[in-house]
Protein backbone atom coordinates (compact mmCIF):
# COMPACT_ATOMS: atom_id res chain seq x y z
CA UNK A 1 1.08 6.92 14.16
CA UNK A 2 -0.49 9.35 11.74
CA UNK A 3 -1.61 7.40 8.37
CA UNK A 4 -5.07 7.75 7.45
CA UNK A 5 -6.59 4.24 7.35
CA UNK A 6 -8.95 3.83 3.70
CA UNK A 7 -11.94 3.00 5.20
CA UNK A 8 -14.18 -0.39 3.05
CA UNK A 9 -17.22 1.20 3.19
CA UNK A 10 -15.72 5.06 2.58
CA UNK A 11 -19.40 6.97 1.33
CA UNK A 12 -19.67 7.64 -2.71
CA UNK A 13 -19.44 11.29 -3.34
CA UNK A 14 -19.45 13.44 -6.14
CA UNK A 15 -16.28 15.98 -7.21
CA UNK A 16 -18.49 18.59 -9.50
CA UNK A 17 -17.01 21.70 -10.30
CA UNK A 18 -18.45 23.29 -14.01
CA UNK A 19 -16.73 20.98 -16.41
CA UNK A 20 -19.52 21.63 -19.42
CA UNK A 21 -16.32 21.91 -21.80
CA UNK A 22 -14.79 18.77 -21.11
CA UNK A 23 -15.26 15.26 -23.43
CA UNK A 24 -18.27 13.24 -21.89
CA UNK A 25 -16.08 10.72 -20.17
CA UNK A 26 -14.15 12.99 -18.78
CA UNK A 27 -17.19 15.05 -17.33
CA UNK A 28 -18.43 11.67 -15.93
CA UNK A 29 -15.81 10.95 -14.13
CA UNK A 30 -15.86 14.35 -11.89
CA UNK A 31 -19.70 14.53 -11.79
CA UNK A 32 -20.81 11.08 -10.88
CA UNK A 33 -20.94 9.70 -7.45
CA UNK A 34 -18.23 6.73 -7.30
CA UNK A 35 -16.21 5.11 -4.48
CA UNK A 36 -12.32 4.24 -4.78
CA UNK A 37 -10.78 2.39 -2.85
CA UNK A 38 -7.31 1.22 -2.72
CA UNK A 39 -6.36 -2.64 -3.29
CA UNK A 40 -3.04 -4.70 -3.92
CA UNK A 41 -0.22 -3.06 -5.69
CA UNK A 42 -1.21 -0.41 -8.38
CA UNK A 43 -4.96 -1.53 -8.34
CA UNK A 44 -8.11 0.51 -7.08
CA UNK A 45 -11.87 -0.74 -6.54
CA UNK A 46 -14.40 1.78 -8.12
CA UNK A 47 -17.95 1.31 -7.18
CA UNK A 48 -20.31 3.33 -9.48
CA UNK A 49 -23.90 4.97 -9.10
CA UNK A 50 -25.12 2.00 -10.67
CA UNK A 51 -23.54 -0.45 -7.78
CA UNK A 52 -21.28 -1.74 -10.15
CA UNK A 53 -17.63 -2.12 -9.52
CA UNK A 54 -14.60 -2.19 -11.32
CA UNK A 55 -11.16 -2.98 -10.98
CA UNK A 56 -8.98 -0.34 -11.76
CA UNK A 57 -5.13 -0.88 -12.77
CA UNK A 58 -3.12 2.37 -13.06
CA UNK A 59 -0.09 1.04 -13.55
CA UNK A 60 -1.42 -0.84 -16.68
CA UNK A 61 -3.83 1.60 -17.44
CA UNK A 62 -6.55 -0.58 -17.41
CA UNK A 63 -10.15 -1.14 -16.20
CA UNK A 64 -12.19 -4.23 -16.16
CA UNK A 65 -15.25 -2.23 -17.38
CA UNK A 66 -16.50 -2.94 -21.06
CA UNK A 67 -15.49 0.62 -22.00
CA UNK A 68 -11.99 0.12 -21.48
CA UNK A 69 -11.61 -3.96 -21.85
CA UNK A 70 -14.08 -4.01 -25.29
CA UNK A 71 -13.74 -0.75 -26.79
CA UNK A 72 -10.19 0.40 -25.52
CA UNK A 73 -11.12 3.67 -24.40
CA UNK A 74 -9.70 5.70 -21.53
CA UNK A 75 -12.97 5.43 -19.48
CA UNK A 76 -14.15 7.14 -16.69
CA UNK A 77 -13.37 4.87 -13.75
CA UNK A 78 -9.72 5.46 -14.81
CA UNK A 79 -9.82 9.19 -14.95
CA UNK A 80 -12.05 9.05 -11.53
CA UNK A 81 -8.74 7.22 -9.76
CA UNK A 82 -6.29 10.05 -11.16
CA UNK A 83 -8.43 12.69 -9.66
CA UNK A 84 -8.93 11.14 -6.40
CA UNK A 85 -5.06 10.79 -6.15
CA UNK A 86 -4.29 14.26 -7.30
CA UNK A 87 -7.00 15.47 -4.97
CA UNK A 88 -5.06 13.78 -1.86
CA UNK A 89 -8.02 11.50 -1.41
CA UNK A 90 -6.46 8.52 -1.93
CA UNK A 91 -2.69 7.57 -2.40
CA UNK A 92 -0.74 6.33 -5.42
CA UNK A 93 0.76 2.92 -5.39
CA UNK A 94 3.42 2.38 -3.13
CA UNK A 95 2.12 5.39 -0.87
CA UNK A 96 0.09 5.71 2.19
CA UNK A 97 -2.02 8.89 2.87
CA UNK A 98 -1.09 10.61 6.21
CA UNK A 99 -1.31 13.87 7.78
CA UNK A 100 1.88 15.68 8.22
CA UNK A 101 3.04 15.57 11.85
CA UNK A 102 4.64 19.26 11.61
CA UNK A 103 2.02 21.01 9.61
CA UNK A 104 -1.18 18.79 9.73
CA UNK A 105 -1.58 19.12 5.76
CA UNK A 106 -2.57 15.75 4.17
CA UNK A 107 0.64 14.46 2.29
CA UNK A 108 1.62 10.90 0.85
CA UNK A 109 4.52 8.71 2.39
CA UNK A 110 6.24 5.59 1.10
CA UNK A 111 4.16 2.52 2.49
CA UNK A 112 7.04 1.76 5.00
CA UNK A 113 8.11 5.06 6.09
CA UNK A 114 9.24 5.22 9.50
CA UNK A 115 7.35 8.07 11.64
CA UNK A 116 7.48 11.27 11.58
CA UNK A 117 5.41 11.58 8.71
CA UNK A 118 6.29 14.83 7.08
CA UNK A 119 4.99 16.75 3.56
CA UNK A 120 7.49 17.78 1.02
CA UNK A 121 7.14 21.42 2.63
CA UNK A 122 8.14 20.30 5.96
CA UNK A 123 10.55 17.08 5.72
CA UNK A 124 14.00 17.14 6.58
CA UNK A 125 16.25 14.38 6.44
CA UNK A 126 19.56 13.17 7.73
CA UNK A 127 22.68 15.66 5.88
CA UNK A 128 20.07 18.38 4.97
CA UNK A 129 21.67 21.75 5.43
CA UNK A 130 19.37 24.20 7.03
CA UNK A 131 19.27 27.56 8.31
CA UNK A 132 18.17 29.02 11.95
CA UNK A 133 15.62 31.61 11.77
CA UNK A 134 16.59 32.86 15.00
CA UNK A 135 20.58 33.66 13.91
CA UNK A 136 21.08 32.79 10.42
CA UNK A 137 23.63 30.43 10.97
CA UNK A 138 23.90 27.44 8.73
CA UNK A 139 23.60 23.79 10.24
CA UNK A 140 23.61 20.27 8.88
CA UNK A 141 20.66 18.01 10.25
CA UNK A 142 21.99 14.52 11.93
CA UNK A 143 18.36 13.50 13.13
CA UNK A 144 14.49 14.14 12.87
CA UNK A 145 13.19 12.80 15.89
CA UNK A 146 9.38 11.71 16.36
CA UNK A 147 9.39 13.34 20.24
CA UNK A 148 7.80 16.50 20.60
CA UNK A 149 9.92 19.76 21.78
CA UNK A 150 8.09 19.80 25.08
CA UNK A 151 8.52 15.86 25.47
CA UNK A 152 12.27 16.46 24.87
CA UNK A 153 14.60 17.60 27.88
CA UNK A 154 17.95 19.51 27.46
CA UNK A 155 20.63 17.73 29.82
CA UNK A 156 22.71 20.97 30.18
CA UNK A 157 20.02 22.87 31.42
CA UNK A 158 16.84 20.64 32.49
CA UNK A 159 14.79 22.52 29.91
CA UNK A 160 12.47 21.22 27.40
CA UNK A 161 13.23 22.23 23.69
CA UNK A 162 9.88 23.95 24.08
CA UNK A 163 10.84 25.79 26.98
CA UNK A 164 14.44 27.29 26.06
CA UNK A 165 13.93 31.07 25.87
CA UNK A 166 15.00 31.41 22.28
CA UNK A 167 12.46 29.13 20.72
CA UNK A 168 9.77 30.96 22.64
CA UNK A 169 6.87 31.42 19.94
CA UNK A 170 7.49 27.88 18.07
CA UNK A 171 5.41 25.27 18.96
CA UNK A 172 5.12 23.29 21.87
CA UNK A 173 4.43 19.99 19.94
CA UNK A 174 7.01 20.75 17.03
CA UNK A 175 9.35 17.80 16.50
CA UNK A 176 12.63 18.13 17.94
CA UNK A 177 15.41 18.09 14.81
CA UNK A 178 19.05 17.28 15.75
CA UNK A 179 21.68 19.43 14.03
CA UNK A 180 25.17 20.42 14.15
CA UNK A 181 26.78 24.11 13.10
CA UNK A 182 28.25 23.66 9.61
CA UNK A 183 31.48 24.88 10.70
CA UNK A 184 31.72 22.25 13.53
CA UNK A 185 30.75 19.49 11.05
CA UNK A 186 33.41 20.24 8.61
CA UNK A 187 36.24 20.66 11.21
CA UNK A 188 35.30 19.23 14.42
CA UNK A 189 35.94 15.18 15.06
CA UNK A 190 33.15 14.69 17.17
CA UNK A 191 30.98 17.85 16.10
CA UNK A 192 27.97 18.63 19.03
CA UNK A 193 24.54 18.51 17.95
CA UNK A 194 21.63 20.74 19.03
CA UNK A 195 18.01 20.40 19.54
CA UNK A 196 15.36 22.23 17.69
CA UNK A 197 11.69 22.94 17.09
CA UNK A 198 11.23 22.02 13.33
CA UNK A 199 9.93 24.97 12.34
CA UNK A 200 12.87 26.94 13.66
CA UNK A 201 15.08 25.47 11.11
CA UNK A 202 14.66 26.23 7.10
CA UNK A 203 16.00 23.83 4.18
CA UNK A 204 18.94 25.62 2.38
CA UNK A 205 17.98 25.44 -1.40
CA UNK A 206 21.16 24.30 -3.77
CA UNK A 207 20.85 28.14 -5.49
CA UNK A 208 21.33 29.55 -1.63
CA UNK A 209 24.47 27.48 -1.16
CA UNK A 210 26.11 28.04 -4.78
CA UNK A 211 25.57 32.31 -3.94
CA UNK A 212 26.90 31.80 -0.55
CA UNK A 213 29.89 30.12 -1.78
CA UNK A 214 30.62 33.03 -4.45
CA UNK A 215 30.34 35.87 -2.12
């Protein structure tokens, strides 16, 4: 499991580039020390330098502070929540903050997402067409497992996916992806599945598929 749990007592921090050209509320949203904690649904608790806590609902573009509630301004608390989400310091509504199981970068995943957790760059899904970086062959993904290459044993050889000679140089802790060759997926009744380390496969973009059909 790689979810990053929000901490209730998270330390207040400042996010302060040079923002002298910004309007006052925007600048204060960046420079003041605030602690932002996710709550239920689309709400976040924002604690300010003065130790006041306001409830921000980004789904409703509302905040419980007087600046928003009485004066109708887009307050610094609403702005700060947006900044923290953009910086991937907190998750947007309906998402959890996690580390990508493939590359280790911080990403957002659906709150009910099953492992493995993968960022947009690494994510593969069943039905995706991918290209084998070693051979150039195109394959169809049949499953993305939560097992690492050094824990997956190939029945035919008794070797792990990590130990297989053509996988030399790929991380041993890569997740194993099952795929079948595109030609077999089209023509075979029960196409054979093969196990690959995730980083050996590259997703084929739509434009690339169109170009290949026109060749």
